[in-house]
Structure formats: structure tokens, C-alpha cells
């Protein structure tokens, strides 16, 4: 069985999104800086239908993680930015257009039920209303020996860590300060705060740190 992996980019001051998010700027003020390192990579651009891209250690790391992932879990805000009934959600089919970049099963946490959304390119969004544990169980059932990725946002990763559901945490630390926004770890209790570093890979735009969650 694969691992449950939480993975996200973060600023030096611990924010995974900037302040004042909007539909036009979903990562908040300055939040796009957290992902400048990855959007230029070939392994990121190909699933998004974009040409070109850089190769090298960063690209190899992302390609390896994508290849090991069999299913994805995310929160409603990461999916669409919405919170209420789906008919009021301006992005009810997600941020990514008709062919999202996942190309696998994605399980979205929500309080509002809806039928699965089958998209082009092999992505199916399933909407889970009975909690994060059920979403991870469903994701495990959807993949064989591959990993389940808890992709975000901060609240979803915090919930997974606090429930003891995460085996591995991967942080991509970018050399910027956001000064506010969505901060990682604020909702994690003291009994789930021990980690062992298993890998550190520095590069000019980001430092990749992999932790084993000590249980």
C-alpha cells in the first residue's frame, strides 16, 4: 500500500497562501510567488497542456512525485474557492477548465453533496461530505500501490496531520515572506507535532524538505 503524503509550497514565514484571496487572485496577495519555482518545470507544464519547460533536479523531483501519486484529496476552497451551495459557486467545476491537470481520481471535501464530475483527460472529481477520513479511505480504494496526495489547502493538511492520517510531509520552502494569509500547522495539536527529516534538496528558487511523520 502506498503512503498518504501531504505536499505544499510555503513561504519562509509559514504561509501557504497570501492575505485577501479573491476569485481573481485565489492565492491572495503575493501568493503566486510560492509557485514560481514549479510553473517553469516541464513536469508541471506537460499535465497542464503547456509547451516546453525546464529540466533538472527540481523537475525530476516533481516528476517522481506525480508518478507515485494514484489519487488526490483536496479541500473545497482549493477546488473552487467556494463554500456554500454549488449553484452559488462561480467556479463550480474547479479552477482548471475542461481538462484538469490531475488525470486521476480527485476527492473534494465539501458540506454540499453533488454527483461526481467526470472531466476530460481522466480526471474525476468525487465530492465527499462525511469527512476527511472518508475521503482518504476513498482515495486509497481508488489507487492500488500508489500514494494518496493530500494537496491542500492549509486547513485540509492541518486536519490530516491532526488526525494522524499523514505518513509523509513534503514542504517546498520559497525564499519569500508573505506577512499574512493562510498559515500551515495552526490547527495541529501537540501530540502530532513530531517529524523526522528524510531528505533536503536545495535549489536557487526553493528548498525541498521531506519529513516522515513520527507516530
N, C-alpha and C. Protein backbone atom coordinates (compact mmCIF):
# COMPACT_ATOMS: atom_id res chain seq x y z
N UNK A 1 0.84 -1.19 0.00
CA UNK A 1 0.00 0.00 0.00
C UNK A 1 0.87 1.24 0.00
N UNK A 2 0.47 2.25 -0.77
CA UNK A 2 1.23 3.49 -0.82
C UNK A 2 1.05 4.33 0.43
N UNK A 3 1.77 5.45 0.47
CA UNK A 3 1.74 6.36 1.61
C UNK A 3 0.64 7.41 1.43
N UNK A 4 0.26 8.03 2.53
CA UNK A 4 -0.52 9.26 2.50
C UNK A 4 0.46 10.41 2.64
N UNK A 5 0.55 11.24 1.61
CA UNK A 5 1.55 12.30 1.54
C UNK A 5 0.84 13.65 1.50
N UNK A 6 1.24 14.55 2.37
CA UNK A 6 0.80 15.94 2.30
C UNK A 6 1.93 16.76 1.69
N UNK A 7 1.60 17.57 0.69
CA UNK A 7 2.64 18.31 -0.03
C UNK A 7 2.13 19.70 -0.36
N UNK A 8 2.98 20.72 -0.10
CA UNK A 8 2.55 22.09 -0.37
C UNK A 8 3.76 23.01 -0.38
N UNK A 9 3.64 24.12 -1.09
CA UNK A 9 4.68 25.15 -1.08
C UNK A 9 4.36 26.16 0.03
N UNK A 10 5.41 26.66 0.68
CA UNK A 10 5.22 27.58 1.80
C UNK A 10 6.26 28.69 1.76
N UNK A 11 5.90 29.82 2.33
CA UNK A 11 6.84 30.92 2.48
C UNK A 11 7.76 30.67 3.68
N UNK A 12 8.78 31.48 3.81
CA UNK A 12 9.67 31.35 4.96
C UNK A 12 8.94 31.58 6.28
N UNK A 13 7.90 32.44 6.26
CA UNK A 13 7.16 32.70 7.49
C UNK A 13 5.93 31.80 7.63
N UNK A 14 5.90 30.70 6.86
CA UNK A 14 4.93 29.64 7.13
C UNK A 14 3.57 29.77 6.48
N UNK A 15 3.44 30.66 5.50
CA UNK A 15 2.15 30.84 4.84
C UNK A 15 2.11 30.08 3.52
N UNK A 16 0.98 29.42 3.26
CA UNK A 16 0.82 28.68 2.00
C UNK A 16 -0.09 29.42 1.04
N UNK A 17 -0.60 30.57 1.44
CA UNK A 17 -1.34 31.50 0.59
C UNK A 17 -1.24 32.87 1.23
N UNK A 18 -1.34 33.90 0.42
CA UNK A 18 -1.24 35.25 0.94
C UNK A 18 -2.56 35.77 1.48
N UNK A 19 -2.57 36.99 2.01
CA UNK A 19 -3.80 37.56 2.55
C UNK A 19 -4.77 38.00 1.46
N UNK A 20 -6.05 38.13 1.83
CA UNK A 20 -7.10 38.69 0.97
C UNK A 20 -7.28 37.94 -0.34
N UNK A 21 -7.53 36.62 -0.29
CA UNK A 21 -7.78 35.90 -1.55
C UNK A 21 -9.09 36.32 -2.20
N UNK A 22 -9.11 36.30 -3.52
CA UNK A 22 -10.31 36.61 -4.31
C UNK A 22 -10.41 35.58 -5.42
N UNK A 23 -11.52 35.57 -6.17
CA UNK A 23 -11.64 34.68 -7.31
C UNK A 23 -10.59 35.00 -8.37
N UNK A 24 -10.23 36.27 -8.48
CA UNK A 24 -9.22 36.67 -9.46
C UNK A 24 -7.81 36.38 -8.96
N UNK A 25 -7.63 36.35 -7.63
CA UNK A 25 -6.32 36.12 -7.03
C UNK A 25 -6.50 35.10 -5.90
N UNK A 26 -6.75 33.81 -6.27
CA UNK A 26 -7.15 32.82 -5.27
C UNK A 26 -6.07 32.52 -4.23
N UNK A 27 -4.81 32.77 -4.54
CA UNK A 27 -3.74 32.53 -3.57
C UNK A 27 -3.42 33.78 -2.74
N UNK A 28 -4.27 34.81 -2.85
CA UNK A 28 -4.08 36.00 -2.05
C UNK A 28 -2.95 36.88 -2.56
N UNK A 29 -2.75 37.98 -1.87
CA UNK A 29 -1.72 38.94 -2.27
C UNK A 29 -0.34 38.31 -2.12
N UNK A 30 0.38 38.21 -3.22
CA UNK A 30 1.73 37.66 -3.20
C UNK A 30 1.81 36.16 -3.23
N UNK A 31 0.67 35.48 -3.17
CA UNK A 31 0.68 34.02 -3.06
C UNK A 31 1.24 33.30 -4.26
N UNK A 32 1.12 33.91 -5.44
CA UNK A 32 1.65 33.26 -6.64
C UNK A 32 3.16 33.07 -6.58
N UNK A 33 3.83 33.88 -5.76
CA UNK A 33 5.29 33.73 -5.64
C UNK A 33 5.69 32.35 -5.13
N UNK A 34 4.79 31.72 -4.37
CA UNK A 34 5.11 30.42 -3.78
C UNK A 34 5.28 29.34 -4.84
N UNK A 35 4.74 29.58 -6.03
CA UNK A 35 4.74 28.55 -7.06
C UNK A 35 5.57 28.91 -8.29
N UNK A 36 6.30 30.00 -8.20
CA UNK A 36 7.13 30.39 -9.34
C UNK A 36 8.16 29.31 -9.67
N UNK A 37 8.64 28.60 -8.67
CA UNK A 37 9.65 27.56 -8.90
C UNK A 37 9.11 26.40 -9.72
N UNK A 38 7.80 26.08 -9.59
CA UNK A 38 7.26 24.88 -10.22
C UNK A 38 6.63 25.15 -11.58
N UNK A 39 6.08 26.34 -11.79
CA UNK A 39 5.35 26.58 -13.04
C UNK A 39 6.27 26.59 -14.26
N UNK A 40 7.55 26.73 -14.04
CA UNK A 40 8.50 26.74 -15.16
C UNK A 40 9.01 25.34 -15.53
N UNK A 41 8.61 24.32 -14.76
CA UNK A 41 9.15 22.98 -14.95
C UNK A 41 8.39 22.19 -16.00
N UNK A 42 9.10 21.36 -16.74
CA UNK A 42 8.49 20.52 -17.75
C UNK A 42 7.45 19.58 -17.14
N UNK A 43 7.76 19.00 -15.99
CA UNK A 43 6.87 18.04 -15.35
C UNK A 43 5.57 18.68 -14.88
N UNK A 44 5.58 19.98 -14.62
CA UNK A 44 4.37 20.72 -14.28
C UNK A 44 3.62 21.13 -15.53
N UNK A 45 4.33 21.57 -16.53
CA UNK A 45 3.69 22.15 -17.72
C UNK A 45 3.00 21.08 -18.58
N UNK A 46 3.60 19.91 -18.68
CA UNK A 46 3.00 18.87 -19.52
C UNK A 46 1.58 18.49 -19.10
N UNK A 47 1.31 18.20 -17.80
CA UNK A 47 -0.07 17.86 -17.42
C UNK A 47 -1.05 19.01 -17.60
N UNK A 48 -0.53 20.25 -17.63
CA UNK A 48 -1.39 21.41 -17.83
C UNK A 48 -1.56 21.75 -19.31
N UNK A 49 -0.99 20.93 -20.19
CA UNK A 49 -1.12 21.18 -21.62
C UNK A 49 -0.29 22.33 -22.12
N UNK A 50 0.80 22.64 -21.42
CA UNK A 50 1.65 23.76 -21.79
C UNK A 50 2.95 23.25 -22.41
N UNK A 51 3.49 23.96 -23.38
CA UNK A 51 4.72 23.50 -24.03
C UNK A 51 5.96 23.82 -23.21
N UNK A 52 7.05 23.14 -23.56
CA UNK A 52 8.36 23.46 -23.01
C UNK A 52 8.49 23.17 -21.53
N UNK A 53 9.43 23.86 -20.92
CA UNK A 53 9.67 23.69 -19.50
C UNK A 53 11.10 23.28 -19.20
N UNK A 54 11.55 23.65 -18.02
CA UNK A 54 12.91 23.36 -17.60
C UNK A 54 13.02 21.93 -17.04
N UNK A 55 14.20 21.37 -17.18
CA UNK A 55 14.50 20.08 -16.57
C UNK A 55 15.61 20.28 -15.53
N UNK A 56 15.94 19.21 -14.83
CA UNK A 56 16.93 19.31 -13.77
C UNK A 56 16.42 18.71 -12.48
N UNK A 57 17.10 18.93 -11.36
CA UNK A 57 16.71 18.29 -10.09
C UNK A 57 15.30 18.62 -9.63
N UNK A 58 14.88 19.89 -9.75
CA UNK A 58 13.52 20.25 -9.35
C UNK A 58 12.50 19.50 -10.19
N UNK A 59 12.73 19.46 -11.48
CA UNK A 59 11.82 18.78 -12.39
C UNK A 59 11.76 17.28 -12.11
N UNK A 60 12.89 16.70 -11.83
CA UNK A 60 12.93 15.26 -11.52
C UNK A 60 12.15 14.95 -10.24
N UNK A 61 12.27 15.83 -9.26
CA UNK A 61 11.56 15.63 -8.00
C UNK A 61 10.04 15.68 -8.22
N UNK A 62 9.58 16.66 -8.98
CA UNK A 62 8.15 16.78 -9.25
C UNK A 62 7.65 15.61 -10.08
N UNK A 63 8.41 15.22 -11.09
CA UNK A 63 8.01 14.10 -11.94
C UNK A 63 7.90 12.81 -11.13
N UNK A 64 8.84 12.60 -10.22
CA UNK A 64 8.80 11.40 -9.38
C UNK A 64 7.55 11.40 -8.49
N UNK A 65 7.24 12.55 -7.90
CA UNK A 65 6.06 12.64 -7.02
C UNK A 65 4.78 12.42 -7.81
N UNK A 66 4.68 13.01 -8.99
CA UNK A 66 3.49 12.83 -9.81
C UNK A 66 3.32 11.37 -10.21
N UNK A 67 4.42 10.72 -10.56
CA UNK A 67 4.36 9.33 -10.96
C UNK A 67 3.97 8.40 -9.84
N UNK A 68 4.26 8.79 -8.59
CA UNK A 68 3.95 7.94 -7.45
C UNK A 68 2.54 8.15 -6.91
N UNK A 69 1.85 9.18 -7.40
CA UNK A 69 0.53 9.54 -6.87
C UNK A 69 -0.57 8.87 -7.66
N UNK A 70 -1.46 8.18 -6.94
CA UNK A 70 -2.56 7.50 -7.59
C UNK A 70 -3.91 8.17 -7.41
N UNK A 71 -4.03 9.02 -6.38
CA UNK A 71 -5.28 9.73 -6.12
C UNK A 71 -4.97 10.96 -5.28
N UNK A 72 -5.87 11.94 -5.34
CA UNK A 72 -5.64 13.23 -4.69
C UNK A 72 -6.82 13.57 -3.81
N UNK A 73 -6.54 14.16 -2.65
CA UNK A 73 -7.57 14.70 -1.76
C UNK A 73 -7.32 16.20 -1.61
N UNK A 74 -8.38 17.00 -1.70
CA UNK A 74 -8.24 18.45 -1.52
C UNK A 74 -9.49 19.02 -0.87
N UNK A 75 -9.35 20.22 -0.32
CA UNK A 75 -10.48 20.92 0.26
C UNK A 75 -11.29 21.65 -0.80
N UNK A 76 -12.50 22.04 -0.41
CA UNK A 76 -13.39 22.77 -1.32
C UNK A 76 -12.77 24.08 -1.80
N UNK A 77 -12.09 24.79 -0.91
CA UNK A 77 -11.51 26.07 -1.32
C UNK A 77 -10.42 25.89 -2.36
N UNK A 78 -9.64 24.82 -2.25
CA UNK A 78 -8.64 24.56 -3.27
C UNK A 78 -9.30 24.21 -4.60
N UNK A 79 -10.42 23.50 -4.53
CA UNK A 79 -11.11 23.10 -5.75
C UNK A 79 -11.72 24.29 -6.49
N UNK A 80 -12.42 25.15 -5.75
CA UNK A 80 -13.16 26.21 -6.44
C UNK A 80 -13.12 27.56 -5.76
N UNK A 81 -12.67 27.62 -4.51
CA UNK A 81 -12.73 28.87 -3.77
C UNK A 81 -14.06 29.12 -3.10
N UNK A 82 -15.04 28.24 -3.34
CA UNK A 82 -16.38 28.44 -2.79
C UNK A 82 -16.58 27.75 -1.46
N UNK A 83 -17.73 28.05 -0.84
CA UNK A 83 -18.07 27.44 0.45
C UNK A 83 -19.53 27.00 0.52
N UNK A 84 -20.42 27.73 -0.11
CA UNK A 84 -21.84 27.48 0.03
C UNK A 84 -22.38 26.49 -0.99
N UNK A 85 -23.69 26.55 -1.26
CA UNK A 85 -24.29 25.65 -2.25
C UNK A 85 -23.62 25.77 -3.61
N UNK A 86 -23.59 24.67 -4.32
CA UNK A 86 -22.88 24.64 -5.60
C UNK A 86 -23.47 25.59 -6.62
N UNK A 87 -24.79 25.81 -6.57
CA UNK A 87 -25.39 26.70 -7.55
C UNK A 87 -24.94 28.15 -7.37
N UNK A 88 -24.36 28.46 -6.20
CA UNK A 88 -23.86 29.81 -5.96
C UNK A 88 -22.36 29.93 -6.20
N UNK A 89 -21.73 28.86 -6.64
CA UNK A 89 -20.27 28.81 -6.79
C UNK A 89 -19.89 29.20 -8.21
N UNK A 90 -19.17 30.31 -8.35
CA UNK A 90 -18.77 30.80 -9.67
C UNK A 90 -17.81 29.85 -10.37
N UNK A 91 -17.13 29.00 -9.61
CA UNK A 91 -16.15 28.04 -10.16
C UNK A 91 -16.58 26.62 -9.82
N UNK A 92 -17.84 26.31 -10.03
CA UNK A 92 -18.39 25.03 -9.58
C UNK A 92 -17.72 23.82 -10.22
N UNK A 93 -17.05 24.00 -11.35
CA UNK A 93 -16.33 22.90 -11.99
C UNK A 93 -14.82 22.99 -11.77
N UNK A 94 -14.41 23.81 -10.81
CA UNK A 94 -12.99 23.92 -10.48
C UNK A 94 -12.28 25.02 -11.25
N UNK A 95 -11.00 25.19 -10.92
CA UNK A 95 -10.20 26.28 -11.49
C UNK A 95 -9.59 25.94 -12.84
N UNK A 96 -9.63 24.66 -13.26
CA UNK A 96 -8.68 24.19 -14.26
C UNK A 96 -9.27 23.99 -15.65
N UNK A 97 -10.50 24.39 -15.92
CA UNK A 97 -11.08 24.25 -17.24
C UNK A 97 -11.58 22.85 -17.50
N UNK A 98 -11.78 22.54 -18.79
CA UNK A 98 -12.40 21.27 -19.18
C UNK A 98 -11.48 20.06 -19.00
N UNK A 99 -10.17 20.30 -19.00
CA UNK A 99 -9.22 19.18 -18.85
C UNK A 99 -8.25 19.49 -17.71
N UNK A 100 -8.62 19.19 -16.47
CA UNK A 100 -7.75 19.48 -15.33
C UNK A 100 -6.44 18.69 -15.41
N UNK A 101 -5.41 19.15 -14.70
CA UNK A 101 -4.08 18.54 -14.85
C UNK A 101 -3.87 17.27 -14.05
N UNK A 102 -4.87 16.79 -13.32
CA UNK A 102 -4.63 15.67 -12.39
C UNK A 102 -4.58 14.32 -13.11
N UNK A 103 -5.52 14.08 -14.03
CA UNK A 103 -5.55 12.84 -14.81
C UNK A 103 -5.66 11.60 -13.91
N UNK A 104 -6.40 11.75 -12.83
CA UNK A 104 -6.62 10.66 -11.88
C UNK A 104 -7.82 11.03 -11.01
N UNK A 105 -8.15 10.16 -10.07
CA UNK A 105 -9.27 10.42 -9.17
C UNK A 105 -8.90 11.51 -8.16
N UNK A 106 -9.82 12.46 -7.98
CA UNK A 106 -9.64 13.54 -7.02
C UNK A 106 -10.86 13.58 -6.11
N UNK A 107 -10.63 13.62 -4.80
CA UNK A 107 -11.70 13.61 -3.82
C UNK A 107 -11.72 14.97 -3.11
N UNK A 108 -12.87 15.65 -3.21
CA UNK A 108 -13.01 17.02 -2.73
C UNK A 108 -13.88 17.04 -1.48
N UNK A 109 -13.34 17.60 -0.40
CA UNK A 109 -14.10 17.72 0.84
C UNK A 109 -15.09 18.87 0.73
N UNK A 110 -16.35 18.62 1.09
CA UNK A 110 -17.37 19.64 1.00
C UNK A 110 -18.51 19.32 1.95
N UNK A 111 -19.28 20.35 2.29
CA UNK A 111 -20.50 20.15 3.09
C UNK A 111 -21.74 20.03 2.19
N UNK A 112 -21.53 20.15 0.87
CA UNK A 112 -22.67 20.21 -0.05
C UNK A 112 -22.54 19.08 -1.09
N UNK A 113 -23.44 18.14 -1.02
CA UNK A 113 -23.36 16.95 -1.87
C UNK A 113 -23.60 17.29 -3.34
N UNK A 114 -22.96 16.51 -4.21
CA UNK A 114 -23.23 16.58 -5.65
C UNK A 114 -22.71 15.31 -6.29
N UNK A 115 -23.14 15.04 -7.49
CA UNK A 115 -22.70 13.87 -8.23
C UNK A 115 -21.24 14.04 -8.67
N UNK A 116 -20.52 12.92 -8.87
CA UNK A 116 -19.15 13.04 -9.36
C UNK A 116 -19.08 13.81 -10.68
N UNK A 117 -17.99 14.51 -10.86
CA UNK A 117 -17.78 15.34 -12.05
C UNK A 117 -16.67 14.70 -12.88
N UNK A 118 -17.06 14.14 -14.01
CA UNK A 118 -16.11 13.46 -14.89
C UNK A 118 -15.62 14.45 -15.94
N UNK A 119 -14.32 14.68 -15.97
CA UNK A 119 -13.72 15.66 -16.87
C UNK A 119 -12.87 14.96 -17.93
N UNK A 120 -12.46 15.72 -18.92
CA UNK A 120 -11.59 15.18 -19.96
C UNK A 120 -10.21 14.86 -19.38
N UNK A 121 -9.52 13.93 -20.02
CA UNK A 121 -8.15 13.62 -19.63
C UNK A 121 -8.02 12.67 -18.46
N UNK A 122 -9.14 12.08 -18.02
CA UNK A 122 -9.05 11.07 -16.97
C UNK A 122 -9.24 11.57 -15.56
N UNK A 123 -9.57 12.84 -15.38
CA UNK A 123 -9.82 13.37 -14.03
C UNK A 123 -11.30 13.21 -13.67
N UNK A 124 -11.57 12.60 -12.53
CA UNK A 124 -12.92 12.55 -11.98
C UNK A 124 -12.89 13.15 -10.57
N UNK A 125 -13.70 14.18 -10.35
CA UNK A 125 -13.84 14.79 -9.03
C UNK A 125 -15.02 14.13 -8.32
N UNK A 126 -14.75 13.55 -7.15
CA UNK A 126 -15.78 12.97 -6.30
C UNK A 126 -15.90 13.83 -5.05
N UNK A 127 -17.12 14.18 -4.69
CA UNK A 127 -17.36 15.15 -3.62
C UNK A 127 -17.78 14.40 -2.36
N UNK A 128 -16.96 14.56 -1.32
CA UNK A 128 -17.10 13.77 -0.09
C UNK A 128 -17.65 14.65 1.01
N UNK A 129 -18.79 14.24 1.60
CA UNK A 129 -19.45 15.06 2.61
C UNK A 129 -19.31 14.49 4.02
N UNK A 130 -18.70 13.32 4.18
CA UNK A 130 -18.64 12.71 5.50
C UNK A 130 -17.23 12.71 6.09
N UNK A 131 -16.43 13.72 5.76
CA UNK A 131 -15.19 13.95 6.47
C UNK A 131 -13.92 13.52 5.76
N UNK A 132 -12.82 14.03 6.29
CA UNK A 132 -11.51 13.80 5.69
C UNK A 132 -11.11 12.34 5.74
N UNK A 133 -11.40 11.65 6.84
CA UNK A 133 -11.04 10.24 6.93
C UNK A 133 -11.69 9.43 5.83
N UNK A 134 -12.96 9.71 5.56
CA UNK A 134 -13.66 9.01 4.48
C UNK A 134 -13.05 9.33 3.12
N UNK A 135 -12.66 10.60 2.93
CA UNK A 135 -12.05 10.99 1.66
C UNK A 135 -10.74 10.24 1.43
N UNK A 136 -9.93 10.12 2.48
CA UNK A 136 -8.67 9.39 2.34
C UNK A 136 -8.92 7.90 2.13
N UNK A 137 -9.91 7.35 2.83
CA UNK A 137 -10.26 5.94 2.60
C UNK A 137 -10.70 5.73 1.16
N UNK A 138 -11.52 6.63 0.64
CA UNK A 138 -11.98 6.52 -0.75
C UNK A 138 -10.81 6.64 -1.73
N UNK A 139 -9.89 7.54 -1.41
CA UNK A 139 -8.72 7.71 -2.28
C UNK A 139 -7.85 6.46 -2.27
N UNK A 140 -7.67 5.86 -1.09
CA UNK A 140 -6.90 4.61 -1.01
C UNK A 140 -7.56 3.52 -1.84
N UNK A 141 -8.88 3.45 -1.79
CA UNK A 141 -9.60 2.42 -2.55
C UNK A 141 -9.48 2.65 -4.06
N UNK A 142 -9.26 3.90 -4.46
CA UNK A 142 -9.20 4.22 -5.88
C UNK A 142 -7.84 3.96 -6.50
N UNK A 143 -6.82 3.75 -5.67
CA UNK A 143 -5.48 3.50 -6.18
C UNK A 143 -4.94 2.21 -5.58
N UNK A 144 -4.06 1.57 -6.28
CA UNK A 144 -3.54 0.28 -5.81
C UNK A 144 -2.37 0.50 -4.86
N UNK A 145 -1.16 0.47 -5.38
CA UNK A 145 0.03 0.60 -4.55
C UNK A 145 0.59 2.02 -4.56
N UNK A 146 -0.09 2.95 -5.20
CA UNK A 146 0.43 4.30 -5.30
C UNK A 146 0.05 5.14 -4.08
N UNK A 147 0.66 6.34 -4.00
CA UNK A 147 0.41 7.22 -2.87
C UNK A 147 -0.90 7.98 -3.02
N UNK A 148 -1.45 8.39 -1.89
CA UNK A 148 -2.56 9.34 -1.84
C UNK A 148 -1.98 10.69 -1.47
N UNK A 149 -2.23 11.70 -2.29
CA UNK A 149 -1.72 13.04 -2.05
C UNK A 149 -2.80 13.90 -1.41
N UNK A 150 -2.50 14.45 -0.23
CA UNK A 150 -3.35 15.49 0.36
C UNK A 150 -2.75 16.81 -0.10
N UNK A 151 -3.43 17.47 -1.04
CA UNK A 151 -2.83 18.57 -1.77
C UNK A 151 -3.05 19.93 -1.13
N UNK A 152 -4.03 20.08 -0.29
CA UNK A 152 -4.26 21.38 0.32
C UNK A 152 -5.74 21.72 0.39
N UNK A 153 -6.01 22.91 0.89
CA UNK A 153 -5.09 23.90 1.39
C UNK A 153 -4.64 23.62 2.82
N UNK A 154 -4.25 24.71 3.49
CA UNK A 154 -3.68 24.59 4.82
C UNK A 154 -4.62 23.88 5.78
N UNK A 155 -5.90 24.23 5.78
CA UNK A 155 -6.85 23.61 6.71
C UNK A 155 -6.94 22.11 6.50
N UNK A 156 -6.96 21.69 5.25
CA UNK A 156 -7.09 20.27 4.95
C UNK A 156 -5.85 19.50 5.40
N UNK A 157 -4.67 20.05 5.12
CA UNK A 157 -3.44 19.40 5.56
C UNK A 157 -3.36 19.38 7.08
N UNK A 158 -3.73 20.48 7.72
CA UNK A 158 -3.72 20.53 9.18
C UNK A 158 -4.65 19.46 9.77
N UNK A 159 -5.85 19.32 9.20
CA UNK A 159 -6.78 18.31 9.67
C UNK A 159 -6.20 16.91 9.53
N UNK A 160 -5.56 16.66 8.39
CA UNK A 160 -4.98 15.33 8.15
C UNK A 160 -3.85 15.03 9.12
N UNK A 161 -3.00 16.03 9.38
CA UNK A 161 -1.92 15.85 10.34
C UNK A 161 -2.48 15.65 11.75
N UNK A 162 -3.46 16.45 12.12
CA UNK A 162 -4.01 16.38 13.47
C UNK A 162 -4.74 15.07 13.71
N UNK A 163 -5.26 14.46 12.65
CA UNK A 163 -5.94 13.17 12.78
C UNK A 163 -4.97 12.00 12.69
N UNK A 164 -3.68 12.27 12.48
CA UNK A 164 -2.69 11.19 12.39
C UNK A 164 -2.79 10.39 11.11
N UNK A 165 -3.30 11.02 10.04
CA UNK A 165 -3.54 10.30 8.79
C UNK A 165 -2.38 10.41 7.79
N UNK A 166 -1.41 11.27 8.06
CA UNK A 166 -0.34 11.55 7.10
C UNK A 166 0.91 10.74 7.47
N UNK A 167 1.50 10.11 6.46
CA UNK A 167 2.75 9.37 6.64
C UNK A 167 3.97 10.22 6.33
N UNK A 168 3.82 11.13 5.36
CA UNK A 168 4.97 11.90 4.88
C UNK A 168 4.52 13.31 4.55
N UNK A 169 5.34 14.29 4.95
CA UNK A 169 5.07 15.70 4.67
C UNK A 169 6.18 16.24 3.80
N UNK A 170 5.80 16.84 2.67
CA UNK A 170 6.78 17.44 1.76
C UNK A 170 6.51 18.93 1.66
N UNK A 171 7.47 19.71 2.08
CA UNK A 171 7.36 21.17 2.01
C UNK A 171 8.34 21.71 0.99
N UNK A 172 7.87 22.65 0.19
CA UNK A 172 8.71 23.36 -0.77
C UNK A 172 8.80 24.80 -0.26
N UNK A 173 9.92 25.11 0.40
CA UNK A 173 10.07 26.37 1.11
C UNK A 173 10.67 27.41 0.16
N UNK A 174 9.91 28.46 -0.10
CA UNK A 174 10.34 29.50 -1.03
C UNK A 174 10.90 30.69 -0.26
N UNK A 175 11.91 31.36 -0.79
CA UNK A 175 12.58 32.43 -0.06
C UNK A 175 11.84 33.76 -0.15
N UNK A 176 10.58 33.77 0.29
CA UNK A 176 9.78 34.98 0.34
C UNK A 176 9.08 35.05 1.70
N UNK A 177 8.69 36.26 2.09
CA UNK A 177 7.88 36.49 3.29
C UNK A 177 6.55 37.08 2.83
N UNK A 178 5.44 36.46 3.23
CA UNK A 178 4.12 36.96 2.84
C UNK A 178 3.50 37.83 3.93
N UNK A 179 3.87 37.63 5.18
CA UNK A 179 3.40 38.50 6.25
C UNK A 179 1.98 38.26 6.72
N UNK A 180 1.27 37.35 6.07
CA UNK A 180 -0.11 37.06 6.45
C UNK A 180 -0.71 36.11 5.45
N UNK A 181 -1.93 35.65 5.75
CA UNK A 181 -2.60 34.72 4.85
C UNK A 181 -2.97 33.44 5.56
N UNK A 182 -2.91 32.33 4.82
CA UNK A 182 -3.23 31.01 5.36
C UNK A 182 -1.95 30.35 5.84
N UNK A 183 -1.88 30.12 7.14
CA UNK A 183 -0.66 29.58 7.73
C UNK A 183 -0.81 28.08 8.00
N UNK A 184 0.23 27.34 7.70
CA UNK A 184 0.25 25.90 7.96
C UNK A 184 0.49 25.62 9.44
N UNK A 185 -0.05 24.53 9.93
CA UNK A 185 0.19 23.96 11.27
C UNK A 185 -0.59 24.62 12.40
N UNK A 186 -1.34 25.69 12.15
CA UNK A 186 -2.04 26.35 13.24
C UNK A 186 -3.06 25.43 13.92
N UNK A 187 -3.62 24.47 13.18
CA UNK A 187 -4.64 23.61 13.76
C UNK A 187 -4.15 22.24 14.20
N UNK A 188 -2.83 22.07 14.31
CA UNK A 188 -2.27 20.76 14.63
C UNK A 188 -1.98 20.67 16.13
N UNK A 189 -2.53 19.67 16.79
CA UNK A 189 -2.34 19.50 18.22
C UNK A 189 -0.94 19.04 18.58
N UNK A 190 -0.53 19.22 19.84
CA UNK A 190 0.85 18.90 20.26
C UNK A 190 1.22 17.43 20.11
N UNK A 191 0.24 16.55 20.14
CA UNK A 191 0.55 15.12 20.03
C UNK A 191 0.91 14.71 18.61
N UNK A 192 0.75 15.62 17.64
CA UNK A 192 1.05 15.28 16.24
C UNK A 192 2.10 16.23 15.67
N UNK A 193 3.04 16.67 16.48
CA UNK A 193 3.99 17.69 16.03
C UNK A 193 5.42 17.18 15.94
N UNK A 194 5.62 15.88 15.79
CA UNK A 194 6.98 15.34 15.70
C UNK A 194 7.23 14.83 14.27
N UNK A 195 8.37 15.27 13.71
CA UNK A 195 8.72 14.91 12.34
C UNK A 195 10.21 14.55 12.29
N UNK A 196 10.55 13.68 11.36
CA UNK A 196 11.94 13.31 11.13
C UNK A 196 12.30 13.68 9.70
N UNK A 197 13.36 14.46 9.54
CA UNK A 197 13.78 14.86 8.20
C UNK A 197 14.37 13.66 7.47
N UNK A 198 13.88 13.41 6.26
CA UNK A 198 14.40 12.30 5.46
C UNK A 198 15.12 12.75 4.20
N UNK A 199 14.88 14.01 3.78
CA UNK A 199 15.53 14.49 2.56
C UNK A 199 15.49 16.01 2.52
N UNK A 200 16.59 16.62 2.09
CA UNK A 200 16.66 18.06 1.87
C UNK A 200 17.35 18.28 0.53
N UNK A 201 16.67 18.99 -0.37
CA UNK A 201 17.24 19.28 -1.69
C UNK A 201 17.14 20.79 -1.92
N UNK A 202 18.28 21.50 -1.89
CA UNK A 202 18.26 22.94 -2.16
C UNK A 202 18.35 23.22 -3.65
N UNK A 203 17.76 24.33 -4.07
CA UNK A 203 17.94 24.83 -5.44
C UNK A 203 17.80 26.34 -5.39
N UNK A 204 18.07 27.05 -6.47
CA UNK A 204 18.09 28.51 -6.40
C UNK A 204 16.77 29.16 -5.99
N UNK A 205 15.63 28.55 -6.30
CA UNK A 205 14.34 29.18 -6.05
C UNK A 205 13.55 28.56 -4.90
N UNK A 206 14.01 27.42 -4.38
CA UNK A 206 13.20 26.69 -3.39
C UNK A 206 14.09 25.68 -2.68
N UNK A 207 13.69 25.34 -1.45
CA UNK A 207 14.32 24.24 -0.74
C UNK A 207 13.26 23.18 -0.48
N UNK A 208 13.52 21.97 -0.96
CA UNK A 208 12.58 20.87 -0.79
C UNK A 208 12.95 20.09 0.47
N UNK A 209 12.02 19.95 1.39
CA UNK A 209 12.26 19.22 2.63
C UNK A 209 11.19 18.14 2.79
N UNK A 210 11.63 16.91 2.93
CA UNK A 210 10.71 15.78 3.13
C UNK A 210 10.84 15.30 4.57
N UNK A 211 9.69 15.12 5.22
CA UNK A 211 9.64 14.67 6.61
C UNK A 211 8.84 13.38 6.70
N UNK A 212 9.30 12.48 7.52
CA UNK A 212 8.47 11.35 7.95
C UNK A 212 7.73 11.80 9.20
N UNK A 213 6.41 11.56 9.20
CA UNK A 213 5.62 11.92 10.36
C UNK A 213 5.82 10.86 11.44
N UNK A 214 6.29 11.29 12.60
CA UNK A 214 6.54 10.37 13.71
C UNK A 214 5.21 10.12 14.44
N UNK A 215 4.83 8.84 14.50
CA UNK A 215 3.54 8.50 15.11
C UNK A 215 3.76 7.68 16.38
